Amino acid sequence: MMSKKTKAILNCVLSIAICLSAGMGACAEKDIAATMPEPSKESGTSRMIIEKILVLYGTYGEAASDRIEELMGELEAADAPAAEKWKEILNLWRADDPMIHEDILPDGLPDTDALCIVALGFQLNPDGSMKDELIHRLETLKRSAEKYPKARIACTGGGTARDNHAATEAGEMAKWLAENGIDPSRVIVEDRSQTTAQNAVFTLDILEDQFPQVSELAIVSSDYHIATGTLLFNAEAILRGNRDLKVISNAAWKATSGTLSPMFQAGALVELLGDRETAYDIYFNTYNIHEILPLS
């Protein structure tokens, strides 16, 4: 069931949508403000503003840019350092998706331990075995790791096997790599995460703590997942104030289908913000986004 907080945020977006479709002059600012939820003690005013920005952009994209700019002004007044970070993240989100390199990392990346190749996980079968899609990602990872033999490798993903709680995505990935000729000493295992946002948080925790020489990341995943992975790892680095760490490239297995919507990405950014409840409401689609009125 959708949380009261998420309903309040979406009701706010609905009111803004009505104004956008009719022209801002047709709707007084005080009427919009009346629909905005009271910030909780834990979240604060700035977090609520950021969430409204993310949900608006995830729903309407550039059509909501005027209102997003107004909200960003409110955020600057409430929390200038946060506004600076989220402006940078929003600009990354608005930018063109990264060029996707199929099957193997491109030429020209640094072949040093300053590079970490980050493989994003995929839900395991109930018995803990890997699904074909994850194996295809690993084949892409292996080719890339062999091309850059001095790079570190991070396998990400926690326990997602319904009937085998001992198995983790990252653990199974690391086993496969060892069985297929990759030196285990190169491999970092991040086996706590359940989402791509958590992949970013927990992987950066490990890198900053144990491998501070790493400054450049290359994401390996399915093609439809590359843009989201790139956005979230870069966003998490920005939120930490780590301007020395960034995603510089990728390698992708070409999936037969699949897509991650801007609204899903909004949920992932909300999770990075620290509001897992609202993020999970978005992920699991416990509301019907089509109930939000169209812009025109």
C-alpha atoms as a PDB file:
ATOM      1  CA  MET A   1       0.000   0.000   0.000  1.00  0.00           C
ATOM      2  CA  MET A   2       1.308   3.437  -0.907  1.00  0.00           C
ATOM      3  CA  SER A   3       2.574   5.478   2.044  1.00  0.00           C
ATOM      4  CA  LYS A   4       0.866   8.706   3.131  1.00  0.00           C
ATOM      5  CA  LYS A   5       4.058  10.595   2.354  1.00  0.00           C
ATOM      6  CA  THR A   6       4.222   9.325  -1.232  1.00  0.00           C
ATOM      7  CA  LYS A   7       0.549  10.161  -1.743  1.00  0.00           C
ATOM      8  CA  ALA A   8       1.244  13.691  -0.523  1.00  0.00           C
ATOM      9  CA  ILE A   9       4.190  14.132  -2.882  1.00  0.00           C
ATOM     10  CA  LEU A  10       2.164  12.848  -5.835  1.00  0.00           C
ATOM     11  CA  ASN A  11      -0.796  15.051  -4.929  1.00  0.00           C
ATOM     12  CA  CYS A  12       1.614  17.986  -5.010  1.00  0.00           C
ATOM     13  CA  VAL A  13       2.802  16.935  -8.474  1.00  0.00           C
ATOM     14  CA  LEU A  14      -0.826  16.591  -9.589  1.00  0.00           C
ATOM     15  CA  SER A  15      -1.562  20.181  -8.565  1.00  0.00           C
ATOM     16  CA  ILE A  16       1.559  21.388 -10.332  1.00  0.00           C
ATOM     17  CA  ALA A  17       0.514  19.414 -13.421  1.00  0.00           C
ATOM     18  CA  ILE A  18      -2.841  21.183 -13.497  1.00  0.00           C
ATOM     19  CA  CYS A  19      -1.031  24.519 -13.367  1.00  0.00           C
ATOM     20  CA  LEU A  20       1.375  23.486 -16.104  1.00  0.00           C
ATOM     21  CA  SER A  21      -1.425  22.382 -18.406  1.00  0.00           C
ATOM     22  CA  ALA A  22      -3.468  25.541 -17.825  1.00  0.00           C
ATOM     23  CA  GLY A  23      -0.609  28.005 -17.469  1.00  0.00           C
ATOM     24  CA  MET A  24       0.835  29.029 -14.119  1.00  0.00           C
ATOM     25  CA  GLY A  25      -1.346  32.140 -14.041  1.00  0.00           C
ATOM     26  CA  ALA A  26      -4.436  29.948 -13.725  1.00  0.00           C
ATOM     27  CA  CYS A  27      -3.341  28.506 -10.411  1.00  0.00           C
ATOM     28  CA  ALA A  28      -2.181  30.513  -7.425  1.00  0.00           C
ATOM     29  CA  GLU A  29       1.070  29.513  -5.749  1.00  0.00           C
ATOM     30  CA  LYS A  30      -0.732  29.312  -2.397  1.00  0.00           C
ATOM     31  CA  ASP A  31      -3.044  26.637  -3.852  1.00  0.00           C
ATOM     32  CA  ILE A  32      -0.030  24.529  -4.802  1.00  0.00           C
ATOM     33  CA  ALA A  33       1.544  25.101  -1.419  1.00  0.00           C
ATOM     34  CA  ALA A  34      -1.622  23.883   0.288  1.00  0.00           C
ATOM     35  CA  THR A  35      -1.186  20.442  -1.284  1.00  0.00           C
ATOM     36  CA  MET A  36       2.430  20.051  -0.202  1.00  0.00           C
ATOM     37  CA  PRO A  37       2.997  17.587   2.637  1.00  0.00           C
ATOM     38  CA  GLU A  38       4.437  18.785   5.883  1.00  0.00           C
ATOM     39  CA  PRO A  39       8.077  17.712   6.028  1.00  0.00           C
ATOM     40  CA  SER A  40       8.781  15.065   8.636  1.00  0.00           C
ATOM     41  CA  LYS A  41      11.296  15.698  11.383  1.00  0.00           C
ATOM     42  CA  GLU A  42      13.604  13.166   9.718  1.00  0.00           C
ATOM     43  CA  SER A  43      13.377  14.474   6.160  1.00  0.00           C
ATOM     44  CA  GLY A  44      13.407  18.255   6.499  1.00  0.00           C
ATOM     45  CA  THR A  45      12.267  20.936   4.098  1.00  0.00           C
ATOM     46  CA  SER A  46      15.122  20.478   1.634  1.00  0.00           C
ATOM     47  CA  ARG A  47      14.493  16.750   1.237  1.00  0.00           C
ATOM     48  CA  MET A  48      10.816  17.348   0.480  1.00  0.00           C
ATOM     49  CA  ILE A  49      11.700  19.935  -2.185  1.00  0.00           C
ATOM     50  CA  ILE A  50      14.233  17.568  -3.780  1.00  0.00           C
ATOM     51  CA  GLU A  51      11.706  14.750  -3.893  1.00  0.00           C
ATOM     52  CA  LYS A  52       9.164  16.987  -5.610  1.00  0.00           C
ATOM     53  CA  ILE A  53      11.790  17.963  -8.193  1.00  0.00           C
ATOM     54  CA  LEU A  54      12.680  14.321  -8.852  1.00  0.00           C
ATOM     55  CA  VAL A  55       9.085  13.131  -9.165  1.00  0.00           C
ATOM     56  CA  LEU A  56       8.221  16.054 -11.443  1.00  0.00           C
ATOM     57  CA  TYR A  57      11.148  15.419 -13.771  1.00  0.00           C
ATOM     58  CA  GLY A  58      10.558  11.669 -13.715  1.00  0.00           C
ATOM     59  CA  THR A  59       6.946  12.238 -14.712  1.00  0.00           C
ATOM     60  CA  TYR A  60       7.143  15.134 -17.175  1.00  0.00           C
ATOM     61  CA  GLY A  61      10.778  15.664 -18.113  1.00  0.00           C
ATOM     62  CA  GLU A  62      11.592  19.051 -19.629  1.00  0.00           C
ATOM     63  CA  ALA A  63       7.910  20.019 -19.814  1.00  0.00           C
ATOM     64  CA  ALA A  64       8.126  20.743 -16.089  1.00  0.00           C
ATOM     65  CA  SER A  65      11.377  22.717 -16.311  1.00  0.00           C
ATOM     66  CA  ASP A  66       9.881  26.082 -15.288  1.00  0.00           C
ATOM     67  CA  ARG A  67       8.372  24.689 -12.108  1.00  0.00           C
ATOM     68  CA  ILE A  68      11.535  22.699 -11.393  1.00  0.00           C
ATOM     69  CA  GLU A  69      13.552  25.924 -11.614  1.00  0.00           C
ATOM     70  CA  GLU A  70      11.206  27.555  -9.117  1.00  0.00           C
ATOM     71  CA  LEU A  71      11.605  24.616  -6.746  1.00  0.00           C
ATOM     72  CA  MET A  72      15.365  24.744  -7.186  1.00  0.00           C
ATOM     73  CA  GLY A  73      15.235  28.378  -6.113  1.00  0.00           C
ATOM     74  CA  GLU A  74      13.367  27.323  -2.978  1.00  0.00           C
ATOM     75  CA  LEU A  75      16.019  24.674  -2.352  1.00  0.00           C
ATOM     76  CA  GLU A  76      18.822  27.225  -2.728  1.00  0.00           C
ATOM     77  CA  ALA A  77      17.151  29.392  -0.098  1.00  0.00           C
ATOM     78  CA  ALA A  78      16.684  26.446   2.264  1.00  0.00           C
ATOM     79  CA  ASP A  79      19.975  24.598   1.708  1.00  0.00           C
ATOM     80  CA  ALA A  80      22.485  26.082  -0.744  1.00  0.00           C
ATOM     81  CA  PRO A  81      25.034  23.202  -0.567  1.00  0.00           C
ATOM     82  CA  ALA A  82      22.307  20.637  -1.298  1.00  0.00           C
ATOM     83  CA  ALA A  83      21.012  22.762  -4.172  1.00  0.00           C
ATOM     84  CA  GLU A  84      24.469  22.849  -5.740  1.00  0.00           C
ATOM     85  CA  LYS A  85      24.765  19.053  -5.617  1.00  0.00           C
ATOM     86  CA  TRP A  86      21.270  18.365  -6.902  1.00  0.00           C
ATOM     87  CA  LYS A  87      21.632  20.866  -9.731  1.00  0.00           C
ATOM     88  CA  GLU A  88      24.686  18.916 -10.861  1.00  0.00           C
ATOM     89  CA  ILE A  89      22.819  15.616 -10.565  1.00  0.00           C
ATOM     90  CA  LEU A  90      19.799  16.973 -12.434  1.00  0.00           C
ATOM     91  CA  ASN A  91      22.073  18.204 -15.227  1.00  0.00           C
ATOM     92  CA  LEU A  92      23.530  14.709 -15.524  1.00  0.00           C
ATOM     93  CA  TRP A  93      20.030  13.246 -15.660  1.00  0.00           C
ATOM     94  CA  ARG A  94      18.996  15.742 -18.331  1.00  0.00           C
ATOM     95  CA  ALA A  95      22.074  15.064 -20.461  1.00  0.00           C
ATOM     96  CA  ASP A  96      22.030  12.648 -23.361  1.00  0.00           C
ATOM     97  CA  ASP A  97      22.366   9.008 -22.354  1.00  0.00           C
ATOM     98  CA  PRO A  98      25.957   7.752 -22.461  1.00  0.00           C
ATOM     99  CA  MET A  99      27.256   6.081 -25.594  1.00  0.00           C
ATOM    100  CA  ILE A 100      26.861   2.343 -25.061  1.00  0.00           C
ATOM    101  CA  HIS A 101      29.722   0.017 -25.946  1.00  0.00           C
ATOM    102  CA  GLU A 102      28.516  -3.482 -26.730  1.00  0.00           C
ATOM    103  CA  ASP A 103      30.280  -6.628 -25.517  1.00  0.00           C
ATOM    104  CA  ILE A 104      33.549  -5.081 -24.302  1.00  0.00           C
ATOM    105  CA  LEU A 105      34.999  -1.864 -22.921  1.00  0.00           C
ATOM    106  CA  PRO A 106      36.345   0.521 -25.577  1.00  0.00           C
ATOM    107  CA  ASP A 107      39.993   1.293 -26.212  1.00  0.00           C
ATOM    108  CA  GLY A 108      41.811   4.081 -24.426  1.00  0.00           C
ATOM    109  CA  LEU A 109      40.845   3.551 -20.794  1.00  0.00           C
ATOM    110  CA  PRO A 110      43.587   3.606 -18.144  1.00  0.00           C
ATOM    111  CA  ASP A 111      45.030   0.129 -17.577  1.00  0.00           C
ATOM    112  CA  THR A 112      45.874   0.772 -13.926  1.00  0.00           C
ATOM    113  CA  ASP A 113      44.315   0.085 -10.542  1.00  0.00           C
ATOM    114  CA  ALA A 114      42.818   3.580 -10.715  1.00  0.00           C
ATOM    115  CA  LEU A 115      40.127   1.969 -12.902  1.00  0.00           C
ATOM    116  CA  CYS A 116      37.426  -0.232 -11.391  1.00  0.00           C
ATOM    117  CA  ILE A 117      35.098  -2.211 -13.647  1.00  0.00           C
ATOM    118  CA  VAL A 118      31.754  -2.398 -11.826  1.00  0.00           C
ATOM    119  CA  ALA A 119      29.413  -5.235 -12.790  1.00  0.00           C
ATOM    120  CA  LEU A 120      25.779  -4.700 -11.803  1.00  0.00           C
ATOM    121  CA  GLY A 121      23.926  -7.772 -10.595  1.00  0.00           C
ATOM    122  CA  PHE A 122      20.669  -9.393 -11.644  1.00  0.00           C
ATOM    123  CA  GLN A 123      18.147 -11.343  -9.583  1.00  0.00           C
ATOM    124  CA  LEU A 124      19.109 -14.973  -8.995  1.00  0.00           C
ATOM    125  CA  ASN A 125      16.948 -18.021  -9.650  1.00  0.00           C
ATOM    126  CA  PRO A 126      15.096 -19.327  -6.568  1.00  0.00           C
ATOM    127  CA  ASP A 127      17.801 -21.970  -6.006  1.00  0.00           C
ATOM    128  CA  GLY A 128      20.589 -19.375  -6.088  1.00  0.00           C
ATOM    129  CA  SER A 129      21.862 -20.097  -9.585  1.00  0.00           C
ATOM    130  CA  MET A 130      22.414 -17.270 -12.040  1.00  0.00           C
ATOM    131  CA  LYS A 131      19.941 -16.414 -14.772  1.00  0.00           C
ATOM    132  CA  ASP A 132      21.136 -16.253 -18.372  1.00  0.00           C
ATOM    133  CA  GLU A 133      21.090 -12.445 -18.394  1.00  0.00           C
ATOM    134  CA  LEU A 134      23.559 -12.265 -15.518  1.00  0.00           C
ATOM    135  CA  ILE A 135      25.830 -14.801 -17.215  1.00  0.00           C
ATOM    136  CA  HIS A 136      25.780 -12.680 -20.383  1.00  0.00           C
ATOM    137  CA  ARG A 137      26.805  -9.656 -18.317  1.00  0.00           C
ATOM    138  CA  LEU A 138      29.645 -11.712 -16.839  1.00  0.00           C
ATOM    139  CA  GLU A 139      30.864 -12.717 -20.294  1.00  0.00           C
ATOM    140  CA  THR A 140      31.015  -9.001 -21.163  1.00  0.00           C
ATOM    141  CA  LEU A 141      32.827  -8.373 -17.879  1.00  0.00           C
ATOM    142  CA  LYS A 142      35.371 -11.125 -18.542  1.00  0.00           C
ATOM    143  CA  ARG A 143      36.277  -9.755 -21.976  1.00  0.00           C
ATOM    144  CA  SER A 144      36.642  -6.272 -20.487  1.00  0.00           C
ATOM    145  CA  ALA A 145      38.708  -7.476 -17.538  1.00  0.00           C
ATOM    146  CA  GLU A 146      41.055  -9.327 -19.880  1.00  0.00           C
ATOM    147  CA  LYS A 147      41.444  -6.192 -21.993  1.00  0.00           C
ATOM    148  CA  TYR A 148      42.371  -4.162 -18.894  1.00  0.00           C
ATOM    149  CA  PRO A 149      44.253  -6.673 -16.696  1.00  0.00           C
ATOM    150  CA  LYS A 150      45.376  -4.136 -14.083  1.00  0.00           C
ATOM    151  CA  ALA A 151      41.899  -2.810 -13.369  1.00  0.00           C
ATOM    152  CA  ARG A 152      39.977  -3.735 -10.253  1.00  0.00           C
ATOM    153  CA  ILE A 153      36.653  -5.536 -10.644  1.00  0.00           C
ATOM    154  CA  ALA A 154      33.611  -4.974  -8.431  1.00  0.00           C
ATOM    155  CA  CYS A 155      30.767  -7.503  -8.418  1.00  0.00           C
ATOM    156  CA  THR A 156      27.594  -6.081  -6.900  1.00  0.00           C
ATOM    157  CA  GLY A 157      24.355  -7.529  -5.585  1.00  0.00           C
ATOM    158  CA  GLY A 158      23.019  -9.178  -2.456  1.00  0.00           C
ATOM    159  CA  GLY A 159      20.817 -12.144  -1.675  1.00  0.00           C
ATOM    160  CA  THR A 160      17.906 -12.348  -4.104  1.00  0.00           C
ATOM    161  CA  ALA A 161      17.358 -16.130  -4.278  1.00  0.00           C
ATOM    162  CA  ARG A 162      13.982 -17.036  -2.783  1.00  0.00           C
ATOM    163  CA  ASP A 163      14.975 -20.525  -1.635  1.00  0.00           C
ATOM    164  CA  ASN A 164      18.711 -20.085  -1.018  1.00  0.00           C
ATOM    165  CA  HIS A 165      19.477 -17.354   1.462  1.00  0.00           C
ATOM    166  CA  ALA A 166      23.199 -18.128   1.434  1.00  0.00           C
ATOM    167  CA  ALA A 167      23.600 -17.200  -2.229  1.00  0.00           C
ATOM    168  CA  THR A 168      24.264 -13.611  -3.314  1.00  0.00           C
ATOM    169  CA  GLU A 169      24.479 -12.117  -6.778  1.00  0.00           C
ATOM    170  CA  ALA A 170      27.991 -10.789  -6.167  1.00  0.00           C
ATOM    171  CA  GLY A 171      29.165 -14.045  -4.625  1.00  0.00           C
ATOM    172  CA  GLU A 172      27.941 -16.129  -7.553  1.00  0.00           C
ATOM    173  CA  MET A 173      29.471 -13.657  -9.991  1.00  0.00           C
ATOM    174  CA  ALA A 174      32.843 -13.840  -8.233  1.00  0.00           C
ATOM    175  CA  LYS A 175      32.756 -17.646  -8.331  1.00  0.00           C
ATOM    176  CA  TRP A 176      32.030 -17.607 -12.055  1.00  0.00           C
ATOM    177  CA  LEU A 177      34.904 -15.216 -12.717  1.00  0.00           C
ATOM    178  CA  ALA A 178      37.353 -17.393 -10.772  1.00  0.00           C
ATOM    179  CA  GLU A 179      36.172 -20.498 -12.631  1.00  0.00           C
ATOM    180  CA  ASN A 180      36.683 -18.682 -15.919  1.00  0.00           C
ATOM    181  CA  GLY A 181      40.241 -17.517 -15.399  1.00  0.00           C
ATOM    182  CA  ILE A 182      39.975 -14.131 -13.675  1.00  0.00           C
ATOM    183  CA  ASP A 183      42.383 -13.674 -10.759  1.00  0.00           C
ATOM    184  CA  PRO A 184      40.253 -13.530  -7.571  1.00  0.00           C
ATOM    185  CA  SER A 185      42.655 -11.010  -6.030  1.00  0.00           C
ATOM    186  CA  ARG A 186      41.318  -8.410  -8.480  1.00  0.00           C
ATOM    187  CA  VAL A 187      37.696  -8.927  -7.452  1.00  0.00           C
ATOM    188  CA  ILE A 188      35.791  -6.814  -4.930  1.00  0.00           C
ATOM    189  CA  VAL A 189      32.549  -8.381  -3.659  1.00  0.00           C
ATOM    190  CA  GLU A 190      29.725  -6.038  -2.673  1.00  0.00           C
ATOM    191  CA  ASP A 191      27.041  -8.494  -1.509  1.00  0.00           C
ATOM    192  CA  ARG A 192      24.663  -6.384   0.585  1.00  0.00           C
ATOM    193  CA  SER A 193      22.658  -4.445  -1.998  1.00  0.00           C
ATOM    194  CA  GLN A 194      19.115  -5.066  -3.200  1.00  0.00           C
ATOM    195  CA  THR A 195      18.800  -2.188  -5.696  1.00  0.00           C
ATOM    196  CA  THR A 196      20.981  -0.305  -8.149  1.00  0.00           C
ATOM    197  CA  ALA A 197      21.019   2.682  -5.796  1.00  0.00           C
ATOM    198  CA  GLN A 198      22.363   0.421  -3.064  1.00  0.00           C
ATOM    199  CA  ASN A 199      24.924  -0.986  -5.540  1.00  0.00           C
ATOM    200  CA  ALA A 200      26.272   2.550  -5.803  1.00  0.00           C
ATOM    201  CA  VAL A 201      26.206   3.327  -2.082  1.00  0.00           C
ATOM    202  CA  PHE A 202      27.815   0.102  -0.864  1.00  0.00           C
ATOM    203  CA  THR A 203      30.365  -0.122  -3.686  1.00  0.00           C
ATOM    204  CA  LEU A 204      31.558   3.421  -3.054  1.00  0.00           C
ATOM    205  CA  ASP A 205      31.749   2.627   0.667  1.00  0.00           C
ATOM    206  CA  ILE A 206      34.196  -0.187  -0.126  1.00  0.00           C
ATOM    207  CA  LEU A 207      36.211   1.771  -2.681  1.00  0.00           C
ATOM    208  CA  GLU A 208      36.639   4.832  -0.479  1.00  0.00           C
ATOM    209  CA  ASP A 209      37.582   2.728   2.532  1.00  0.00           C
ATOM    210  CA  GLN A 210      39.811   0.060   0.968  1.00  0.00           C
ATOM    211  CA  PHE A 211      40.769   1.226  -2.536  1.00  0.00           C
ATOM    212  CA  PRO A 212      41.198   5.023  -2.413  1.00  0.00           C
ATOM    213  CA  GLN A 213      43.394   4.908  -5.527  1.00  0.00           C
ATOM    214  CA  VAL A 214      40.301   4.140  -7.640  1.00  0.00           C
ATOM    215  CA  SER A 215      39.144   7.318  -9.376  1.00  0.00           C
ATOM    216  CA  GLU A 216      37.443   6.034 -12.529  1.00  0.00           C
ATOM    217  CA  LEU A 217      34.612   3.557 -12.964  1.00  0.00           C
ATOM    218  CA  ALA A 218      33.357   1.574 -15.938  1.00  0.00           C
ATOM    219  CA  ILE A 219      29.863   0.096 -15.646  1.00  0.00           C
ATOM    220  CA  VAL A 220      29.047  -3.372 -17.026  1.00  0.00           C
ATOM    221  CA  SER A 221      25.403  -4.380 -17.309  1.00  0.00           C
ATOM    222  CA  SER A 222      22.631  -4.955 -19.837  1.00  0.00           C
ATOM    223  CA  ASP A 223      22.251  -2.165 -22.379  1.00  0.00           C
ATOM    224  CA  TYR A 224      18.977  -0.835 -20.924  1.00  0.00           C
ATOM    225  CA  HIS A 225      20.587  -0.553 -17.485  1.00  0.00           C
ATOM    226  CA  ILE A 226      23.730   1.396 -18.403  1.00  0.00           C
ATOM    227  CA  ALA A 227      22.244   4.905 -18.272  1.00  0.00           C
ATOM    228  CA  THR A 228      20.657   4.291 -14.870  1.00  0.00           C
ATOM    229  CA  GLY A 229      23.811   2.734 -13.428  1.00  0.00           C
ATOM    230  CA  THR A 230      25.944   5.584 -14.728  1.00  0.00           C
ATOM    231  CA  LEU A 231      23.573   8.211 -13.315  1.00  0.00           C
ATOM    232  CA  LEU A 232      23.386   6.607  -9.870  1.00  0.00           C
ATOM    233  CA  PHE A 233      27.107   6.000  -9.392  1.00  0.00           C
ATOM    234  CA  ASN A 234      27.913   9.558 -10.502  1.00  0.00           C
ATOM    235  CA  ALA A 235      25.115  10.963  -8.329  1.00  0.00           C
ATOM    236  CA  GLU A 236      26.304   9.074  -5.250  1.00  0.00           C
ATOM    237  CA  ALA A 237      29.855  10.365  -5.774  1.00  0.00           C
ATOM    238  CA  ILE A 238      28.493  13.939  -6.015  1.00  0.00           C
ATOM    239  CA  LEU A 239      26.419  13.539  -2.855  1.00  0.00           C
ATOM    240  CA  ARG A 240      29.545  12.375  -1.012  1.00  0.00           C
ATOM    241  CA  GLY A 241      31.489  15.349  -2.312  1.00  0.00           C
ATOM    242  CA  ASN A 242      33.899  12.972  -4.053  1.00  0.00           C
ATOM    243  CA  ARG A 243      34.585  14.895  -7.256  1.00  0.00           C
ATOM    244  CA  ASP A 244      37.602  12.680  -7.993  1.00  0.00           C
ATOM    245  CA  LEU A 245      35.445   9.596  -8.635  1.00  0.00           C
ATOM    246  CA  LYS A 246      33.310   9.292 -11.773  1.00  0.00           C
ATOM    247  CA  VAL A 247      32.018   6.874 -14.374  1.00  0.00           C
ATOM    248  CA  ILE A 248      34.031   7.217 -17.567  1.00  0.00           C
ATOM    249  CA  SER A 249      32.807   4.311 -19.716  1.00  0.00           C
ATOM    250  CA  ASN A 250      30.727   1.157 -19.979  1.00  0.00           C
ATOM    251  CA  ALA A 251      30.326  -2.220 -21.625  1.00  0.00           C
ATOM    252  CA  ALA A 252      26.898  -3.726 -22.231  1.00  0.00           C
ATOM    253  CA  TRP A 253      25.272  -6.986 -23.114  1.00  0.00           C
ATOM    254  CA  LYS A 254      22.570  -6.283 -25.681  1.00  0.00           C
ATOM    255  CA  ALA A 255      19.310  -7.463 -24.149  1.00  0.00           C
ATOM    256  CA  THR A 256      16.381  -8.584 -26.267  1.00  0.00           C
ATOM    257  CA  SER A 257      14.006  -6.340 -24.344  1.00  0.00           C
ATOM    258  CA  GLY A 258      13.721  -4.142 -21.321  1.00  0.00           C
ATOM    259  CA  THR A 259      13.559  -0.514 -20.329  1.00  0.00           C
ATOM    260  CA  LEU A 260      13.952   1.611 -17.217  1.00  0.00           C
ATOM    261  CA  SER A 261      11.664   4.633 -17.194  1.00  0.00           C
ATOM    262  CA  PRO A 262      12.596   8.117 -15.986  1.00  0.00           C
ATOM    263  CA  MET A 263      10.164   7.543 -13.117  1.00  0.00           C
ATOM    264  CA  PHE A 264      12.133   4.464 -12.063  1.00  0.00           C
ATOM    265  CA  GLN A 265      15.268   6.598 -12.133  1.00  0.00           C
ATOM    266  CA  ALA A 266      13.462   9.172 -10.005  1.00  0.00           C
ATOM    267  CA  GLY A 267      12.769   6.454  -7.467  1.00  0.00           C
ATOM    268  CA  ALA A 268      16.416   5.433  -7.440  1.00  0.00           C
ATOM    269  CA  LEU A 269      17.530   9.022  -6.837  1.00  0.00           C
ATOM    270  CA  VAL A 270      14.972   9.324  -4.037  1.00  0.00           C
ATOM    271  CA  GLU A 271      16.584   6.231  -2.525  1.00  0.00           C
ATOM    272  CA  LEU A 272      20.021   7.876  -2.716  1.00  0.00           C
ATOM    273  CA  LEU A 273      18.451  10.843  -0.961  1.00  0.00           C
ATOM    274  CA  GLY A 274      17.683   8.466   1.912  1.00  0.00           C
ATOM    275  CA  ASP A 275      13.921   7.985   1.590  1.00  0.00           C
ATOM    276  CA  ARG A 276      13.641   4.265   0.942  1.00  0.00           C
ATOM    277  CA  GLU A 277       9.905   4.156   1.711  1.00  0.00           C
ATOM    278  CA  THR A 278       8.986   6.535  -1.089  1.00  0.00           C
ATOM    279  CA  ALA A 279      11.560   4.969  -3.427  1.00  0.00           C
ATOM    280  CA  TYR A 280      10.056   1.525  -2.951  1.00  0.00           C
ATOM    281  CA  ASP A 281       6.569   2.886  -3.560  1.00  0.00           C
ATOM    282  CA  ILE A 282       7.854   4.121  -6.906  1.00  0.00           C
ATOM    283  CA  TYR A 283       9.754   0.907  -7.740  1.00  0.00           C
ATOM    284  CA  PHE A 284       6.851  -1.383  -7.069  1.00  0.00           C
ATOM    285  CA  ASN A 285       4.309   0.851  -8.782  1.00  0.00           C
ATOM    286  CA  THR A 286       1.817   0.827  -5.934  1.00  0.00           C
ATOM    287  CA  TYR A 287       0.149   3.857  -7.468  1.00  0.00           C
ATOM    288  CA  ASN A 288      -1.136   4.355 -10.988  1.00  0.00           C
ATOM    289  CA  ILE A 289       1.049   7.066 -12.493  1.00  0.00           C
ATOM    290  CA  HIS A 290      -1.518   7.566 -15.276  1.00  0.00           C
ATOM    291  CA  GLU A 291      -3.856   9.098 -12.696  1.00  0.00           C
ATOM    292  CA  ILE A 292      -1.617  12.183 -12.816  1.00  0.00           C
ATOM    293  CA  LEU A 293      -3.193  14.548 -15.303  1.00  0.00           C
ATOM    294  CA  PRO A 294      -1.358  15.038 -18.629  1.00  0.00           C
ATOM    295  CA  LEU A 295       0.361  18.321 -19.308  1.00  0.00           C
ATOM    296  CA  SER A 296      -1.843  19.094 -22.271  1.00  0.00           C
END
